[in-house]
Amino acid sequence: MYCVCKEHVELAIDKFVDEYEDAPDLVNLGETSFRAWTPPERCEWCDGPAEILIV
């Protein structure tokens, strides 16, 4: 699972496919809320805002 900015979506998809050998689902963090989990505010690879959840 990766929380990334729009700039790093392709990198996160590539890493996910390499690790799990399956296509991920992409979730827009601006349009989705979670009851038991608070997504990080920053991208895993830069200081940009985390906008997409790759799972």
N, C-alpha and C. Protein backbone atom coordinates (compact mmCIF):
# COMPACT_ATOMS: atom_id res chain seq x y z
N MET A 1 0.85 -1.17 0.00
CA MET A 1 0.00 0.00 0.00
C MET A 1 0.90 1.23 0.00
N TYR A 2 0.58 2.17 -0.86
CA TYR A 2 1.35 3.40 -0.96
C TYR A 2 0.40 4.59 -0.98
N CYS A 3 0.74 5.64 -0.29
CA CYS A 3 0.03 6.91 -0.36
C CYS A 3 0.97 7.90 -1.02
N VAL A 4 0.58 8.38 -2.19
CA VAL A 4 1.50 9.19 -2.98
C VAL A 4 0.81 10.42 -3.57
N CYS A 5 1.64 11.36 -4.02
CA CYS A 5 1.15 12.52 -4.75
C CYS A 5 0.90 12.09 -6.20
N LYS A 6 0.26 12.95 -6.96
CA LYS A 6 -0.04 12.61 -8.35
C LYS A 6 1.23 12.39 -9.17
N GLU A 7 2.29 13.06 -8.81
CA GLU A 7 3.56 12.94 -9.53
C GLU A 7 4.17 11.55 -9.41
N HIS A 8 3.93 10.86 -8.30
CA HIS A 8 4.55 9.57 -8.05
C HIS A 8 3.61 8.37 -8.22
N VAL A 9 2.46 8.57 -8.84
CA VAL A 9 1.50 7.48 -9.03
C VAL A 9 2.11 6.36 -9.87
N GLU A 10 2.74 6.70 -10.98
CA GLU A 10 3.31 5.67 -11.86
C GLU A 10 4.38 4.87 -11.14
N LEU A 11 5.23 5.51 -10.38
CA LEU A 11 6.26 4.82 -9.61
C LEU A 11 5.63 3.85 -8.61
N ALA A 12 4.60 4.29 -7.91
CA ALA A 12 3.93 3.44 -6.92
C ALA A 12 3.24 2.25 -7.60
N ILE A 13 2.63 2.47 -8.75
CA ILE A 13 1.99 1.36 -9.48
C ILE A 13 3.05 0.35 -9.89
N ASP A 14 4.18 0.82 -10.43
CA ASP A 14 5.26 -0.09 -10.84
C ASP A 14 5.77 -0.90 -9.66
N LYS A 15 5.99 -0.26 -8.52
CA LYS A 15 6.47 -0.97 -7.34
C LYS A 15 5.44 -1.99 -6.85
N PHE A 16 4.16 -1.61 -6.87
CA PHE A 16 3.10 -2.51 -6.44
C PHE A 16 3.06 -3.75 -7.33
N VAL A 17 3.11 -3.55 -8.64
CA VAL A 17 3.06 -4.67 -9.59
C VAL A 17 4.29 -5.57 -9.42
N ASP A 18 5.46 -4.97 -9.23
CA ASP A 18 6.66 -5.77 -9.01
C ASP A 18 6.55 -6.62 -7.74
N GLU A 19 5.97 -6.05 -6.70
CA GLU A 19 5.89 -6.75 -5.41
C GLU A 19 4.77 -7.79 -5.38
N TYR A 20 3.59 -7.46 -5.90
CA TYR A 20 2.43 -8.33 -5.75
C TYR A 20 2.03 -9.05 -7.04
N GLU A 21 2.65 -8.70 -8.16
CA GLU A 21 2.36 -9.30 -9.47
C GLU A 21 0.87 -9.24 -9.80
N ASP A 22 0.26 -8.12 -9.47
CA ASP A 22 -1.16 -7.89 -9.72
C ASP A 22 -1.37 -6.39 -9.88
N ALA A 23 -2.43 -6.02 -10.57
CA ALA A 23 -2.74 -4.60 -10.75
C ALA A 23 -3.37 -4.03 -9.47
N PRO A 24 -2.96 -2.85 -9.07
CA PRO A 24 -3.52 -2.25 -7.84
C PRO A 24 -4.83 -1.52 -8.11
N ASP A 25 -5.52 -1.22 -7.04
CA ASP A 25 -6.65 -0.31 -7.09
C ASP A 25 -6.13 1.07 -6.69
N LEU A 26 -6.66 2.10 -7.30
CA LEU A 26 -6.29 3.47 -6.98
C LEU A 26 -7.48 4.15 -6.33
N VAL A 27 -7.25 4.79 -5.19
CA VAL A 27 -8.30 5.47 -4.45
C VAL A 27 -7.91 6.93 -4.29
N ASN A 28 -8.80 7.82 -4.67
CA ASN A 28 -8.57 9.25 -4.51
C ASN A 28 -8.82 9.60 -3.05
N LEU A 29 -7.79 10.00 -2.34
CA LEU A 29 -7.92 10.29 -0.91
C LEU A 29 -8.76 11.54 -0.64
N GLY A 30 -8.92 12.40 -1.62
CA GLY A 30 -9.75 13.58 -1.45
C GLY A 30 -11.24 13.28 -1.50
N GLU A 31 -11.60 12.13 -2.06
CA GLU A 31 -13.01 11.77 -2.22
C GLU A 31 -13.44 10.63 -1.31
N THR A 32 -12.52 10.11 -0.51
CA THR A 32 -12.79 8.93 0.31
C THR A 32 -12.43 9.20 1.76
N SER A 33 -13.22 8.68 2.66
CA SER A 33 -12.87 8.77 4.08
C SER A 33 -12.86 7.36 4.67
N PHE A 34 -12.10 7.18 5.72
CA PHE A 34 -11.95 5.88 6.36
C PHE A 34 -12.31 6.02 7.83
N ARG A 35 -12.94 5.01 8.38
CA ARG A 35 -13.33 5.05 9.80
C ARG A 35 -12.15 4.75 10.71
N ALA A 36 -11.39 3.71 10.39
CA ALA A 36 -10.38 3.21 11.33
C ALA A 36 -8.95 3.52 10.88
N TRP A 37 -8.78 4.39 9.89
CA TRP A 37 -7.43 4.67 9.39
C TRP A 37 -7.36 6.11 8.92
N THR A 38 -6.31 6.79 9.32
CA THR A 38 -6.07 8.15 8.85
C THR A 38 -4.89 8.11 7.89
N PRO A 39 -5.10 8.46 6.63
CA PRO A 39 -4.00 8.42 5.67
C PRO A 39 -2.94 9.47 6.00
N PRO A 40 -1.70 9.20 5.62
CA PRO A 40 -0.66 10.19 5.86
C PRO A 40 -0.93 11.46 5.04
N GLU A 41 -0.42 12.55 5.51
CA GLU A 41 -0.62 13.82 4.80
C GLU A 41 0.38 14.02 3.67
N ARG A 42 1.52 13.34 3.71
CA ARG A 42 2.59 13.54 2.74
C ARG A 42 2.85 12.28 1.91
N CYS A 43 3.28 12.50 0.70
CA CYS A 43 3.68 11.43 -0.22
C CYS A 43 4.84 10.62 0.38
N GLU A 44 4.88 9.34 0.07
CA GLU A 44 5.95 8.49 0.58
C GLU A 44 7.32 8.81 -0.02
N TRP A 45 7.35 9.49 -1.20
CA TRP A 45 8.61 9.76 -1.86
C TRP A 45 8.99 11.24 -1.94
N CYS A 46 8.12 12.12 -1.49
CA CYS A 46 8.46 13.54 -1.50
C CYS A 46 7.63 14.26 -0.44
N ASP A 47 7.73 15.56 -0.38
CA ASP A 47 6.97 16.34 0.60
C ASP A 47 5.62 16.80 0.07
N GLY A 48 5.26 16.33 -1.12
CA GLY A 48 3.97 16.71 -1.69
C GLY A 48 2.83 16.07 -0.93
N PRO A 49 1.62 16.60 -1.11
CA PRO A 49 0.47 16.02 -0.40
C PRO A 49 0.11 14.63 -0.94
N ALA A 50 -0.21 13.72 -0.05
CA ALA A 50 -0.66 12.37 -0.46
C ALA A 50 -2.08 12.51 -1.00
N GLU A 51 -2.26 12.20 -2.27
CA GLU A 51 -3.56 12.36 -2.92
C GLU A 51 -4.15 11.04 -3.38
N ILE A 52 -3.32 10.04 -3.61
CA ILE A 52 -3.77 8.76 -4.17
C ILE A 52 -3.29 7.62 -3.29
N LEU A 53 -4.19 6.70 -2.99
CA LEU A 53 -3.85 5.48 -2.26
C LEU A 53 -3.75 4.36 -3.28
N ILE A 54 -2.61 3.69 -3.31
CA ILE A 54 -2.39 2.55 -4.20
C ILE A 54 -2.48 1.30 -3.34
N VAL A 55 -3.46 0.47 -3.63
CA VAL A 55 -3.68 -0.73 -2.80
C VAL A 55 -4.13 -1.91 -3.64
